[in-house]
Protein backbone atom coordinates (compact mmCIF):
# COMPACT_ATOMS: atom_id res chain seq x y z
CA MET A 1 -0.20 0.09 0.04
CA LYS A 2 2.82 2.42 0.93
CA TYR A 3 3.83 2.04 -2.52
CA ARG A 4 0.70 2.21 -3.95
CA ILE A 5 0.32 5.34 -2.05
CA LEU A 6 3.66 7.29 -3.17
CA SER A 7 2.63 6.44 -6.89
CA LEU A 8 -0.61 8.41 -6.53
CA PHE A 9 1.72 11.22 -4.58
CA ALA A 10 3.89 11.17 -7.91
CA ALA A 11 1.04 10.71 -10.79
CA LEU A 12 -1.00 13.86 -8.49
CA ALA A 13 2.29 15.74 -8.49
CA MET A 14 3.11 15.47 -12.54
CA LEU A 15 0.16 17.14 -13.14
CA ALA A 16 0.55 20.04 -10.00
CA THR A 17 3.09 22.53 -11.69
CA PRO A 18 3.04 26.43 -10.22
CA ALA A 19 1.11 26.96 -13.20
CA MET A 20 -2.02 24.99 -12.23
CA ALA A 21 -1.84 26.16 -8.79
CA GLN A 22 -2.04 29.79 -9.96
CA GLN A 23 -4.79 28.84 -12.48
CA GLN A 24 -7.43 27.49 -10.03
CA GLN A 25 -6.53 29.99 -7.42
CA MET A 26 -5.63 27.12 -4.05
CA ALA A 27 -5.22 28.37 -1.37
CA CYS A 28 -1.34 28.24 -1.14
CA GLY A 29 1.42 30.16 1.75
CA GLU A 30 3.25 29.09 4.34
CA ARG A 31 3.69 25.64 5.12
CA THR A 32 3.53 25.51 9.01
CA GLY A 33 0.17 27.81 8.83
CA LEU A 34 -1.44 25.53 6.65
CA LEU A 35 -0.24 22.26 8.47
CA GLU A 36 -1.31 23.89 11.91
CA HIS A 37 -4.44 25.03 10.29
CA LEU A 38 -5.14 21.71 9.15
CA LYS A 39 -4.80 19.99 12.94
CA ASP A 40 -6.28 22.66 14.81
CA LYS A 41 -9.63 22.61 12.70
CA PHE A 42 -9.88 18.86 11.15
CA LYS A 43 -7.46 17.00 13.63
CA GLU A 44 -5.65 16.02 10.81
CA SER A 45 -2.25 14.98 10.28
CA ALA A 46 0.58 13.45 8.26
CA ALA A 47 -0.40 9.99 6.58
CA GLY A 48 2.30 9.49 3.37
CA VAL A 49 4.72 12.07 1.99
CA GLY A 50 6.63 11.72 -1.60
CA MET A 51 9.03 14.14 -3.64
CA THR A 52 8.19 15.04 -7.10
CA GLY A 53 10.73 15.22 -10.01
CA ASN A 54 11.01 18.92 -9.97
CA GLY A 55 11.98 18.65 -5.65
CA ALA A 56 8.43 19.65 -4.57
CA VAL A 57 7.02 17.20 -2.17
CA ILE A 58 3.78 16.70 -1.55
CA GLU A 59 2.10 15.13 1.24
CA LEU A 60 -1.47 13.43 2.33
CA MET A 61 -2.91 14.62 6.00
CA THR A 62 -5.61 12.57 7.31
CA SER A 63 -7.42 12.47 10.38
CA GLU A 64 -9.68 9.71 12.32
CA SER A 65 -13.30 10.72 10.82
CA GLY A 66 -12.32 10.49 7.19
CA SER A 67 -11.14 14.31 6.19
CA TRP A 68 -8.37 14.35 4.36
CA SER A 69 -5.61 16.85 2.78
CA LEU A 70 -3.45 16.88 0.02
CA ILE A 71 -0.69 19.70 0.23
CA LEU A 72 1.99 20.62 -2.18
CA THR A 73 5.10 22.60 -1.25
CA PHE A 74 7.50 24.02 -4.20
CA PRO A 75 10.99 24.27 -3.92
CA SER A 76 10.43 28.17 -3.05
CA GLY A 77 8.85 27.18 0.07
CA ARG A 78 5.52 27.99 -1.19
CA SER A 79 2.53 25.51 -0.35
CA CYS A 80 -0.49 24.94 -1.33
CA LEU A 81 -4.01 23.35 -0.90
CA MET A 82 -4.70 20.73 -3.93
CA ALA A 83 -7.73 18.80 -2.66
CA THR A 84 -9.84 17.81 0.69
CA GLY A 85 -12.43 15.50 0.85
CA ASP A 86 -13.74 13.28 3.46
CA GLY A 87 -14.36 9.18 3.77
CA TRP A 88 -10.76 8.75 3.66
CA GLU A 89 -9.93 4.91 4.20
CA GLN A 90 -6.81 3.63 5.10
CA GLU A 91 -5.86 0.28 3.64
CA LYS A 92 -3.93 -2.42 5.21
CA ALA A 93 -0.60 -2.94 4.01
CA LYS A 94 -0.68 -6.43 1.56
CA VAL A 95 2.42 -8.71 1.29
CA ALA A 96 3.25 -9.11 -2.03
CA GLY A 97 1.95 -12.09 -3.62
CA LYS A 98 -0.64 -12.46 -1.41
CA ASP A 99 -4.11 -11.18 -1.99
CA ALA A 100 -1.99 -8.96 -4.36
């Protein structure tokens, strides 16, 4: 599952460029403030992280209630909230060759 999430991050990150972030008017700002807001308001914490080919970092934040947020932090330090939602369910890791 860990590799599946990282693959998802890589695919999403390839689509996420600074130009895209500006065109869609995403919520962007300082990473620390964004993470504090997600923790305080939604009780979200880090569930996964990955690095893109252009040096950006993508993070998945989730909560026990099922809310989730996807954050992209560019090498410049600017962070943008890429997507949010509800109903997140964490799958248990599967061993290769078993039920795969």
